[in-house]
Amino acid sequence: MASTPTSTPRNPLLTLSYLTIISLWVGAQTVPIPYVINLMVLVTAILYAACHGSLALREEQALARGEKPPKEDKKDGDKDA
């Protein structure tokens, strides 16, 4: 099955941030985690996931308005150019 041009590739850091949020939420109820570490890691994971979702939504809304995505230049090491 071919992917559509608007689909984005899987982002392992996004998956890691979701797993971090879930594991901290569950783990903090069973294992004592220092407050500062828990807070910093949880906030970082939430911000990363939220910003990633915001950027995807922004691109989707731009395409819905009829804007064309910027053309990618084949520079910087691409051998297909």
PDB file of N, CA and C in Angstrom:
ATOM      1  N   MET A   1       0.847  -1.175   0.000  1.00  0.00           N
ATOM      2  CA  MET A   1       0.000   0.000   0.000  1.00  0.00           C
ATOM      3  C   MET A   1       0.891   1.236   0.000  1.00  0.00           C
ATOM      4  N   ALA A   2       0.685   2.108  -0.929  1.00  0.00           N
ATOM      5  CA  ALA A   2       1.505   3.321  -1.056  1.00  0.00           C
ATOM      6  C   ALA A   2       1.040   4.357  -0.043  1.00  0.00           C
ATOM      7  N   SER A   3       2.002   5.090   0.477  1.00  0.00           N
ATOM      8  CA  SER A   3       1.649   6.136   1.433  1.00  0.00           C
ATOM      9  C   SER A   3       1.250   7.392   0.683  1.00  0.00           C
ATOM     10  N   THR A   4       0.383   8.161   1.289  1.00  0.00           N
ATOM     11  CA  THR A   4      -0.067   9.398   0.670  1.00  0.00           C
ATOM     12  C   THR A   4       0.991  10.470   0.885  1.00  0.00           C
ATOM     13  N   PRO A   5       1.028  11.489   0.031  1.00  0.00           N
ATOM     14  CA  PRO A   5       2.036  12.531   0.191  1.00  0.00           C
ATOM     15  C   PRO A   5       1.917  13.317   1.490  1.00  0.00           C
ATOM     16  N   THR A   6       0.717  13.354   2.084  1.00  0.00           N
ATOM     17  CA  THR A   6       0.538  14.126   3.308  1.00  0.00           C
ATOM     18  C   THR A   6       0.880  13.330   4.551  1.00  0.00           C
ATOM     19  N   SER A   7       1.089  12.006   4.417  1.00  0.00           N
ATOM     20  CA  SER A   7       1.418  11.225   5.605  1.00  0.00           C
ATOM     21  C   SER A   7       2.872  11.469   5.988  1.00  0.00           C
ATOM     22  N   THR A   8       3.111  11.432   7.282  1.00  0.00           N
ATOM     23  CA  THR A   8       4.461  11.662   7.758  1.00  0.00           C
ATOM     24  C   THR A   8       5.069  10.329   8.180  1.00  0.00           C
ATOM     25  N   PRO A   9       6.371  10.195   8.073  1.00  0.00           N
ATOM     26  CA  PRO A   9       6.996   8.951   8.509  1.00  0.00           C
ATOM     27  C   PRO A   9       6.919   8.807  10.022  1.00  0.00           C
ATOM     28  N   ARG A  10       7.038   7.584  10.479  1.00  0.00           N
ATOM     29  CA  ARG A  10       7.003   7.330  11.918  1.00  0.00           C
ATOM     30  C   ARG A  10       8.153   8.040  12.603  1.00  0.00           C
ATOM     31  N   ASN A  11       7.866   8.638  13.723  1.00  0.00           N
ATOM     32  CA  ASN A  11       8.873   9.366  14.479  1.00  0.00           C
ATOM     33  C   ASN A  11       9.149   8.587  15.762  1.00  0.00           C
ATOM     34  N   PRO A  12      10.341   7.976  15.880  1.00  0.00           N
ATOM     35  CA  PRO A  12      10.616   7.187  17.081  1.00  0.00           C
ATOM     36  C   PRO A  12      10.650   8.035  18.353  1.00  0.00           C
ATOM     37  N   LEU A  13      11.023   9.304  18.248  1.00  0.00           N
ATOM     38  CA  LEU A  13      11.026  10.155  19.441  1.00  0.00           C
ATOM     39  C   LEU A  13       9.610  10.464  19.914  1.00  0.00           C
ATOM     40  N   LEU A  14       8.669  10.562  18.981  1.00  0.00           N
ATOM     41  CA  LEU A  14       7.282  10.786  19.371  1.00  0.00           C
ATOM     42  C   LEU A  14       6.736   9.557  20.095  1.00  0.00           C
ATOM     43  N   THR A  15       7.052   8.387  19.567  1.00  0.00           N
ATOM     44  CA  THR A  15       6.641   7.152  20.230  1.00  0.00           C
ATOM     45  C   THR A  15       7.275   7.053  21.614  1.00  0.00           C
ATOM     46  N   LEU A  16       8.550   7.422  21.710  1.00  0.00           N
ATOM     47  CA  LEU A  16       9.236   7.406  23.003  1.00  0.00           C
ATOM     48  C   LEU A  16       8.594   8.382  23.984  1.00  0.00           C
ATOM     49  N   SER A  17       8.173   9.542  23.494  1.00  0.00           N
ATOM     50  CA  SER A  17       7.544  10.506  24.406  1.00  0.00           C
ATOM     51  C   SER A  17       6.202   9.988  24.919  1.00  0.00           C
ATOM     52  N   TYR A  18       5.424   9.334  24.058  1.00  0.00           N
ATOM     53  CA  TYR A  18       4.155   8.739  24.517  1.00  0.00           C
ATOM     54  C   TYR A  18       4.414   7.639  25.543  1.00  0.00           C
ATOM     55  N   LEU A  19       5.408   6.793  25.280  1.00  0.00           N
ATOM     56  CA  LEU A  19       5.734   5.731  26.224  1.00  0.00           C
ATOM     57  C   LEU A  19       6.248   6.301  27.542  1.00  0.00           C
ATOM     58  N   THR A  20       6.992   7.389  27.471  1.00  0.00           N
ATOM     59  CA  THR A  20       7.493   8.037  28.686  1.00  0.00           C
ATOM     60  C   THR A  20       6.346   8.581  29.522  1.00  0.00           C
ATOM     61  N   ILE A  21       5.383   9.219  28.872  1.00  0.00           N
ATOM     62  CA  ILE A  21       4.235   9.774  29.602  1.00  0.00           C
ATOM     63  C   ILE A  21       3.475   8.660  30.311  1.00  0.00           C
ATOM     64  N   ILE A  22       3.227   7.572  29.597  1.00  0.00           N
ATOM     65  CA  ILE A  22       2.469   6.464  30.183  1.00  0.00           C
ATOM     66  C   ILE A  22       3.259   5.790  31.299  1.00  0.00           C
ATOM     67  N   SER A  23       4.551   5.552  31.053  1.00  0.00           N
ATOM     68  CA  SER A  23       5.341   4.854  32.068  1.00  0.00           C
ATOM     69  C   SER A  23       5.541   5.705  33.323  1.00  0.00           C
ATOM     70  N   LEU A  24       5.708   7.005  33.167  1.00  0.00           N
ATOM     71  CA  LEU A  24       5.824   7.862  34.350  1.00  0.00           C
ATOM     72  C   LEU A  24       4.510   7.930  35.119  1.00  0.00           C
ATOM     73  N   TRP A  25       3.412   7.955  34.405  1.00  0.00           N
ATOM     74  CA  TRP A  25       2.113   8.027  35.063  1.00  0.00           C
ATOM     75  C   TRP A  25       1.855   6.764  35.884  1.00  0.00           C
ATOM     76  N   VAL A  26       2.177   5.613  35.292  1.00  0.00           N
ATOM     77  CA  VAL A  26       1.977   4.351  35.998  1.00  0.00           C
ATOM     78  C   VAL A  26       3.092   4.133  37.020  1.00  0.00           C
ATOM     79  N   GLY A  27       4.329   4.402  36.615  1.00  0.00           N
ATOM     80  CA  GLY A  27       5.461   4.130  37.488  1.00  0.00           C
ATOM     81  C   GLY A  27       5.486   4.975  38.741  1.00  0.00           C
ATOM     82  N   ALA A  28       5.032   6.200  38.647  1.00  0.00           N
ATOM     83  CA  ALA A  28       5.048   7.086  39.814  1.00  0.00           C
ATOM     84  C   ALA A  28       4.075   6.613  40.893  1.00  0.00           C
ATOM     85  N   GLN A  29       3.114   5.793  40.528  1.00  0.00           N
ATOM     86  CA  GLN A  29       2.163   5.275  41.509  1.00  0.00           C
ATOM     87  C   GLN A  29       2.703   4.048  42.230  1.00  0.00           C
ATOM     88  N   THR A  30       3.724   3.411  41.637  1.00  0.00           N
ATOM     89  CA  THR A  30       4.241   2.188  42.235  1.00  0.00           C
ATOM     90  C   THR A  30       5.678   2.327  42.738  1.00  0.00           C
ATOM     91  N   VAL A  31       6.487   3.168  42.095  1.00  0.00           N
ATOM     92  CA  VAL A  31       7.896   3.332  42.441  1.00  0.00           C
ATOM     93  C   VAL A  31       8.133   4.784  42.835  1.00  0.00           C
ATOM     94  N   PRO A  32       8.827   5.014  43.932  1.00  0.00           N
ATOM     95  CA  PRO A  32       9.110   6.410  44.293  1.00  0.00           C
ATOM     96  C   PRO A  32      10.100   7.039  43.303  1.00  0.00           C
ATOM     97  N   ILE A  33       9.640   8.073  42.609  1.00  0.00           N
ATOM     98  CA  ILE A  33      10.462   8.803  41.649  1.00  0.00           C
ATOM     99  C   ILE A  33      10.666  10.199  42.215  1.00  0.00           C
ATOM    100  N   PRO A  34      11.908  10.689  42.214  1.00  0.00           N
ATOM    101  CA  PRO A  34      12.129  12.059  42.716  1.00  0.00           C
ATOM    102  C   PRO A  34      11.270  13.068  41.954  1.00  0.00           C
ATOM    103  N   TYR A  35      10.727  13.997  42.711  1.00  0.00           N
ATOM    104  CA  TYR A  35       9.769  14.959  42.162  1.00  0.00           C
ATOM    105  C   TYR A  35      10.339  15.753  40.987  1.00  0.00           C
ATOM    106  N   VAL A  36      11.541  16.263  41.132  1.00  0.00           N
ATOM    107  CA  VAL A  36      12.126  17.116  40.094  1.00  0.00           C
ATOM    108  C   VAL A  36      12.353  16.319  38.816  1.00  0.00           C
ATOM    109  N   ILE A  37      12.859  15.107  38.941  1.00  0.00           N
ATOM    110  CA  ILE A  37      13.084  14.269  37.753  1.00  0.00           C
ATOM    111  C   ILE A  37      11.765  13.931  37.082  1.00  0.00           C
ATOM    112  N   ASN A  38      10.783  13.533  37.896  1.00  0.00           N
ATOM    113  CA  ASN A  38       9.468  13.198  37.354  1.00  0.00           C
ATOM    114  C   ASN A  38       8.865  14.391  36.621  1.00  0.00           C
ATOM    115  N   LEU A  39       8.931  15.555  37.244  1.00  0.00           N
ATOM    116  CA  LEU A  39       8.344  16.756  36.652  1.00  0.00           C
ATOM    117  C   LEU A  39       9.041  17.147  35.350  1.00  0.00           C
ATOM    118  N   MET A  40      10.371  17.176  35.358  1.00  0.00           N
ATOM    119  CA  MET A  40      11.112  17.601  34.170  1.00  0.00           C
ATOM    120  C   MET A  40      10.919  16.639  32.992  1.00  0.00           C
ATOM    121  N   VAL A  41      10.993  15.348  33.245  1.00  0.00           N
ATOM    122  CA  VAL A  41      10.842  14.366  32.159  1.00  0.00           C
ATOM    123  C   VAL A  41       9.409  14.365  31.642  1.00  0.00           C
ATOM    124  N   LEU A  42       8.443  14.427  32.543  1.00  0.00           N
ATOM    125  CA  LEU A  42       7.042  14.419  32.126  1.00  0.00           C
ATOM    126  C   LEU A  42       6.689  15.669  31.319  1.00  0.00           C
ATOM    127  N   VAL A  43       7.112  16.834  31.767  1.00  0.00           N
ATOM    128  CA  VAL A  43       6.816  18.075  31.041  1.00  0.00           C
ATOM    129  C   VAL A  43       7.505  18.076  29.680  1.00  0.00           C
ATOM    130  N   THR A  44       8.742  17.600  29.617  1.00  0.00           N
ATOM    131  CA  THR A  44       9.453  17.540  28.339  1.00  0.00           C
ATOM    132  C   THR A  44       8.737  16.610  27.364  1.00  0.00           C
ATOM    133  N   ALA A  45       8.308  15.460  27.828  1.00  0.00           N
ATOM    134  CA  ALA A  45       7.611  14.510  26.959  1.00  0.00           C
ATOM    135  C   ALA A  45       6.269  15.077  26.477  1.00  0.00           C
ATOM    136  N   ILE A  46       5.537  15.715  27.374  1.00  0.00           N
ATOM    137  CA  ILE A  46       4.248  16.307  26.990  1.00  0.00           C
ATOM    138  C   ILE A  46       4.446  17.432  25.975  1.00  0.00           C
ATOM    139  N   LEU A  47       5.421  18.294  26.214  1.00  0.00           N
ATOM    140  CA  LEU A  47       5.681  19.397  25.276  1.00  0.00           C
ATOM    141  C   LEU A  47       6.113  18.880  23.908  1.00  0.00           C
ATOM    142  N   TYR A  48       6.956  17.857  23.873  1.00  0.00           N
ATOM    143  CA  TYR A  48       7.400  17.311  22.594  1.00  0.00           C
ATOM    144  C   TYR A  48       6.208  16.740  21.820  1.00  0.00           C
ATOM    145  N   ALA A  49       5.374  15.957  22.485  1.00  0.00           N
ATOM    146  CA  ALA A  49       4.216  15.366  21.814  1.00  0.00           C
ATOM    147  C   ALA A  49       3.239  16.448  21.348  1.00  0.00           C
ATOM    148  N   ALA A  50       3.009  17.451  22.173  1.00  0.00           N
ATOM    149  CA  ALA A  50       2.066  18.518  21.814  1.00  0.00           C
ATOM    150  C   ALA A  50       2.588  19.360  20.650  1.00  0.00           C
ATOM    151  N   CYS A  51       3.863  19.696  20.679  1.00  0.00           N
ATOM    152  CA  CYS A  51       4.432  20.501  19.587  1.00  0.00           C
ATOM    153  C   CYS A  51       4.436  19.723  18.286  1.00  0.00           C
ATOM    154  N   HIS A  52       4.721  18.445  18.350  1.00  0.00           N
ATOM    155  CA  HIS A  52       4.714  17.624  17.147  1.00  0.00           C
ATOM    156  C   HIS A  52       3.307  17.563  16.554  1.00  0.00           C
ATOM    157  N   GLY A  53       2.311  17.392  17.414  1.00  0.00           N
ATOM    158  CA  GLY A  53       0.928  17.366  16.945  1.00  0.00           C
ATOM    159  C   GLY A  53       0.491  18.708  16.380  1.00  0.00           C
ATOM    160  N   SER A  54       0.964  19.788  16.976  1.00  0.00           N
ATOM    161  CA  SER A  54       0.624  21.125  16.504  1.00  0.00           C
ATOM    162  C   SER A  54       1.194  21.374  15.114  1.00  0.00           C
ATOM    163  N   LEU A  55       2.432  20.942  14.887  1.00  0.00           N
ATOM    164  CA  LEU A  55       3.039  21.123  13.568  1.00  0.00           C
ATOM    165  C   LEU A  55       2.331  20.299  12.501  1.00  0.00           C
ATOM    166  N   ALA A  56       1.922  19.090  12.845  1.00  0.00           N
ATOM    167  CA  ALA A  56       1.195  18.255  11.892  1.00  0.00           C
ATOM    168  C   ALA A  56      -0.160  18.879  11.567  1.00  0.00           C
ATOM    169  N   LEU A  57      -0.838  19.414  12.578  1.00  0.00           N
ATOM    170  CA  LEU A  57      -2.127  20.061  12.361  1.00  0.00           C
ATOM    171  C   LEU A  57      -1.972  21.310  11.505  1.00  0.00           C
ATOM    172  N   ARG A  58      -0.912  22.065  11.731  1.00  0.00           N
ATOM    173  CA  ARG A  58      -0.676  23.276  10.945  1.00  0.00           C
ATOM    174  C   ARG A  58      -0.472  22.941   9.469  1.00  0.00           C
ATOM    175  N   GLU A  59       0.296  21.881   9.191  1.00  0.00           N
ATOM    176  CA  GLU A  59       0.508  21.474   7.804  1.00  0.00           C
ATOM    177  C   GLU A  59      -0.799  20.995   7.172  1.00  0.00           C
ATOM    178  N   GLU A  60      -1.591  20.258   7.937  1.00  0.00           N
ATOM    179  CA  GLU A  60      -2.871  19.756   7.426  1.00  0.00           C
ATOM    180  C   GLU A  60      -3.816  20.921   7.101  1.00  0.00           C
ATOM    181  N   GLN A  61      -3.855  21.918   7.959  1.00  0.00           N
ATOM    182  CA  GLN A  61      -4.722  23.072   7.720  1.00  0.00           C
ATOM    183  C   GLN A  61      -4.244  23.880   6.516  1.00  0.00           C
ATOM    184  N   ALA A  62      -2.933  23.995   6.327  1.00  0.00           N
ATOM    185  CA  ALA A  62      -2.400  24.722   5.176  1.00  0.00           C
ATOM    186  C   ALA A  62      -2.767  24.001   3.884  1.00  0.00           C
ATOM    187  N   LEU A  63      -2.691  22.686   3.871  1.00  0.00           N
ATOM    188  CA  LEU A  63      -3.070  21.926   2.679  1.00  0.00           C
ATOM    189  C   LEU A  63      -4.573  22.041   2.416  1.00  0.00           C
ATOM    190  N   ALA A  64      -5.384  22.104   3.481  1.00  0.00           N
ATOM    191  CA  ALA A  64      -6.830  22.248   3.315  1.00  0.00           C
ATOM    192  C   ALA A  64      -7.192  23.610   2.731  1.00  0.00           C
ATOM    193  N   ARG A  65      -6.372  24.636   3.011  1.00  0.00           N
ATOM    194  CA  ARG A  65      -6.619  25.963   2.441  1.00  0.00           C
ATOM    195  C   ARG A  65      -6.164  26.054   0.997  1.00  0.00           C
ATOM    196  N   GLY A  66      -5.485  25.034   0.514  1.00  0.00           N
ATOM    197  CA  GLY A  66      -5.028  25.035  -0.867  1.00  0.00           C
ATOM    198  C   GLY A  66      -3.593  25.464  -1.044  1.00  0.00           C
ATOM    199  N   GLU A  67      -2.888  25.681   0.047  1.00  0.00           N
ATOM    200  CA  GLU A  67      -1.481  26.059  -0.062  1.00  0.00           C
ATOM    201  C   GLU A  67      -0.665  24.839  -0.460  1.00  0.00           C
ATOM    202  N   LYS A  68       0.352  25.072  -1.252  1.00  0.00           N
ATOM    203  CA  LYS A  68       1.212  23.984  -1.681  1.00  0.00           C
ATOM    204  C   LYS A  68       2.393  23.870  -0.724  1.00  0.00           C
ATOM    205  N   PRO A  69       2.818  22.630  -0.431  1.00  0.00           N
ATOM    206  CA  PRO A  69       3.993  22.490   0.438  1.00  0.00           C
ATOM    207  C   PRO A  69       5.240  22.983  -0.273  1.00  0.00           C
ATOM    208  N   PRO A  70       6.216  23.479   0.467  1.00  0.00           N
ATOM    209  CA  PRO A  70       7.437  23.968  -0.177  1.00  0.00           C
ATOM    210  C   PRO A  70       8.169  22.832  -0.879  1.00  0.00           C
ATOM    211  N   LYS A  71       8.794  23.160  -2.004  1.00  0.00           N
ATOM    212  CA  LYS A  71       9.532  22.152  -2.750  1.00  0.00           C
ATOM    213  C   LYS A  71      10.835  21.873  -2.037  1.00  0.00           C
ATOM    214  N   GLU A  72      11.194  20.603  -2.018  1.00  0.00           N
ATOM    215  CA  GLU A  72      12.444  20.207  -1.377  1.00  0.00           C
ATOM    216  C   GLU A  72      13.555  20.234  -2.403  1.00  0.00           C
ATOM    217  N   ASP A  73      14.640  20.902  -2.069  1.00  0.00           N
ATOM    218  CA  ASP A  73      15.792  20.950  -2.957  1.00  0.00           C
ATOM    219  C   ASP A  73      16.603  19.681  -2.781  1.00  0.00           C
ATOM    220  N   LYS A  74      17.162  19.204  -3.880  1.00  0.00           N
ATOM    221  CA  LYS A  74      18.015  18.024  -3.810  1.00  0.00           C
ATOM    222  C   LYS A  74      19.464  18.461  -3.695  1.00  0.00           C
ATOM    223  N   LYS A  75      19.784  19.003  -2.531  1.00  0.00           N
ATOM    224  CA  LYS A  75      21.131  19.455  -2.235  1.00  0.00           C
ATOM    225  C   LYS A  75      21.654  18.651  -1.047  1.00  0.00           C
ATOM    226  N   ASP A  76      22.767  19.071  -0.590  1.00  0.00           N
ATOM    227  CA  ASP A  76      23.329  18.575   0.671  1.00  0.00           C
ATOM    228  C   ASP A  76      23.451  17.056   0.719  1.00  0.00           C
ATOM    229  N   GLY A  77      24.113  16.491  -0.267  1.00  0.00           N
ATOM    230  CA  GLY A  77      24.449  15.097  -0.184  1.00  0.00           C
ATOM    231  C   GLY A  77      23.510  14.133  -0.893  1.00  0.00           C
ATOM    232  N   ASP A  78      22.427  14.616  -1.468  1.00  0.00           N
ATOM    233  CA  ASP A  78      21.565  13.721  -2.227  1.00  0.00           C
ATOM    234  C   ASP A  78      22.251  13.362  -3.529  1.00  0.00           C
ATOM    235  N   LYS A  79      22.368  12.085  -3.806  1.00  0.00           N
ATOM    236  CA  LYS A  79      23.055  11.637  -5.005  1.00  0.00           C
ATOM    237  C   LYS A  79      22.085  11.445  -6.166  1.00  0.00           C
ATOM    238  N   ASP A  80      20.785  11.635  -5.906  1.00  0.00           N
ATOM    239  CA  ASP A  80      19.784  11.464  -6.970  1.00  0.00           C
ATOM    240  C   ASP A  80      19.682  12.691  -7.855  1.00  0.00           C
ATOM    241  N   ALA A  81      20.254  13.800  -7.465  1.00  0.00           N
ATOM    242  CA  ALA A  81      20.116  15.052  -8.199  1.00  0.00           C
ATOM    243  C   ALA A  81      20.880  15.024  -9.496  1.00  0.00           C
TER     244      ALA A  81
END
